[in-house]
Protein backbone atom coordinates (compact mmCIF):
# COMPACT_ATOMS: atom_id res chain seq x y z
CA UNK A 1 106.01 130.72 -19.83
CA UNK A 2 104.49 128.03 -18.21
CA UNK A 3 105.43 128.95 -14.36
CA UNK A 4 104.31 132.44 -15.05
CA UNK A 5 101.16 130.58 -16.62
CA UNK A 6 101.01 128.98 -14.27
CA UNK A 7 100.95 131.18 -11.09
CA UNK A 8 99.11 134.13 -13.04
CA UNK A 9 95.87 131.77 -13.78
CA UNK A 10 96.62 132.48 -17.26
CA UNK A 11 95.01 130.74 -19.57
CA UNK A 12 95.33 130.15 -23.50
CA UNK A 13 93.86 128.07 -26.33
CA UNK A 14 95.79 125.49 -27.95
CA UNK A 15 97.21 127.14 -30.97
CA UNK A 16 98.67 129.86 -28.71
CA UNK A 17 100.31 127.00 -26.33
CA UNK A 18 101.70 125.43 -29.91
CA UNK A 19 103.02 128.69 -30.84
CA UNK A 20 104.96 128.93 -27.88
CA UNK A 21 106.30 125.82 -27.77
CA UNK A 22 104.22 124.33 -25.05
CA UNK A 23 103.01 121.68 -27.05
CA UNK A 24 103.99 119.21 -29.64
CA UNK A 25 101.19 119.05 -31.17
CA UNK A 26 97.24 119.76 -31.92
CA UNK A 27 95.41 117.18 -32.87
CA UNK A 28 91.13 116.52 -33.25
CA UNK A 29 89.49 115.23 -30.30
CA UNK A 30 88.53 112.19 -32.28
CA UNK A 31 92.05 111.64 -33.02
CA UNK A 32 93.44 112.46 -29.53
CA UNK A 33 93.73 108.54 -27.57
CA UNK A 34 95.02 107.14 -30.63
CA UNK A 35 97.64 109.69 -31.39
CA UNK A 36 98.41 109.13 -27.48
CA UNK A 37 98.45 105.52 -28.08
CA UNK A 38 100.86 105.88 -30.91
CA UNK A 39 103.41 108.18 -29.08
CA UNK A 40 103.51 105.75 -25.98
CA UNK A 41 104.33 102.83 -28.81
CA UNK A 42 107.05 104.83 -30.10
CA UNK A 43 108.75 105.55 -25.96
CA UNK A 44 107.67 101.72 -25.48
CA UNK A 45 110.04 100.80 -28.29
CA UNK A 46 113.17 101.50 -26.58
CA UNK A 47 115.40 100.95 -24.12
CA UNK A 48 114.32 101.00 -20.70
CA UNK A 49 117.62 101.91 -19.20
CA UNK A 50 118.05 104.73 -21.78
CA UNK A 51 115.19 106.56 -20.96
CA UNK A 52 115.55 106.41 -17.86
CA UNK A 53 119.35 107.57 -18.31
CA UNK A 54 118.07 110.58 -20.71
CA UNK A 55 115.34 111.43 -18.07
CA UNK A 56 117.57 111.75 -15.30
CA UNK A 57 119.58 114.01 -17.70
CA UNK A 58 116.82 116.40 -18.20
CA UNK A 59 115.84 116.51 -14.46
CA UNK A 60 119.74 117.18 -14.24
CA UNK A 61 119.71 119.67 -16.21
CA UNK A 62 117.63 122.24 -14.28
CA UNK A 63 119.71 123.17 -11.70
CA UNK A 64 123.37 122.97 -13.91
CA UNK A 65 125.50 124.67 -15.56
CA UNK A 66 126.27 123.83 -19.47
CA UNK A 67 129.88 122.44 -18.19
CA UNK A 68 127.96 120.40 -15.28
CA UNK A 69 125.06 119.12 -17.89
CA UNK A 70 128.15 118.25 -20.03
CA UNK A 71 130.14 116.12 -17.35
CA UNK A 72 127.14 114.50 -16.17
CA UNK A 73 125.71 113.22 -19.61
CA UNK A 74 129.13 111.75 -20.73
CA UNK A 75 128.89 110.13 -16.89
CA UNK A 76 125.91 108.93 -17.26
CA UNK A 77 125.98 107.73 -21.31
CA UNK A 78 129.71 106.22 -19.85
CA UNK A 79 127.58 103.96 -17.07
CA UNK A 80 125.52 103.20 -19.79
CA UNK A 81 127.67 101.84 -22.15
CA UNK A 82 129.42 99.73 -19.79
CA UNK A 83 125.87 98.32 -18.84
CA UNK A 84 125.27 97.57 -22.57
CA UNK A 85 128.47 95.79 -23.16
CA UNK A 86 128.22 93.74 -20.05
CA UNK A 87 124.82 92.48 -21.19
CA UNK A 88 125.88 91.72 -24.47
CA UNK A 89 128.53 89.42 -23.10
CA UNK A 90 126.40 87.62 -20.86
CA UNK A 91 124.45 86.88 -24.02
């Protein structure tokens, strides 16, 4: 839907974007920055390596089959687990 909208220059309002899943939530303008900062804080509270692993997996899935995605996910989380275990041992 987003690609079609972009290519046809179709505009929709925030409520329609929310309804079709292009947005996660709609907030009043005065709450926009506080809400954005709250979400940013939640993201920053997570392990950076885990965030990057998840990001790579999401990007990989765009062009992969389900089977390839599952295999790649196992490999990526295996690498992450190995890295975390070595960090724990060094403490």
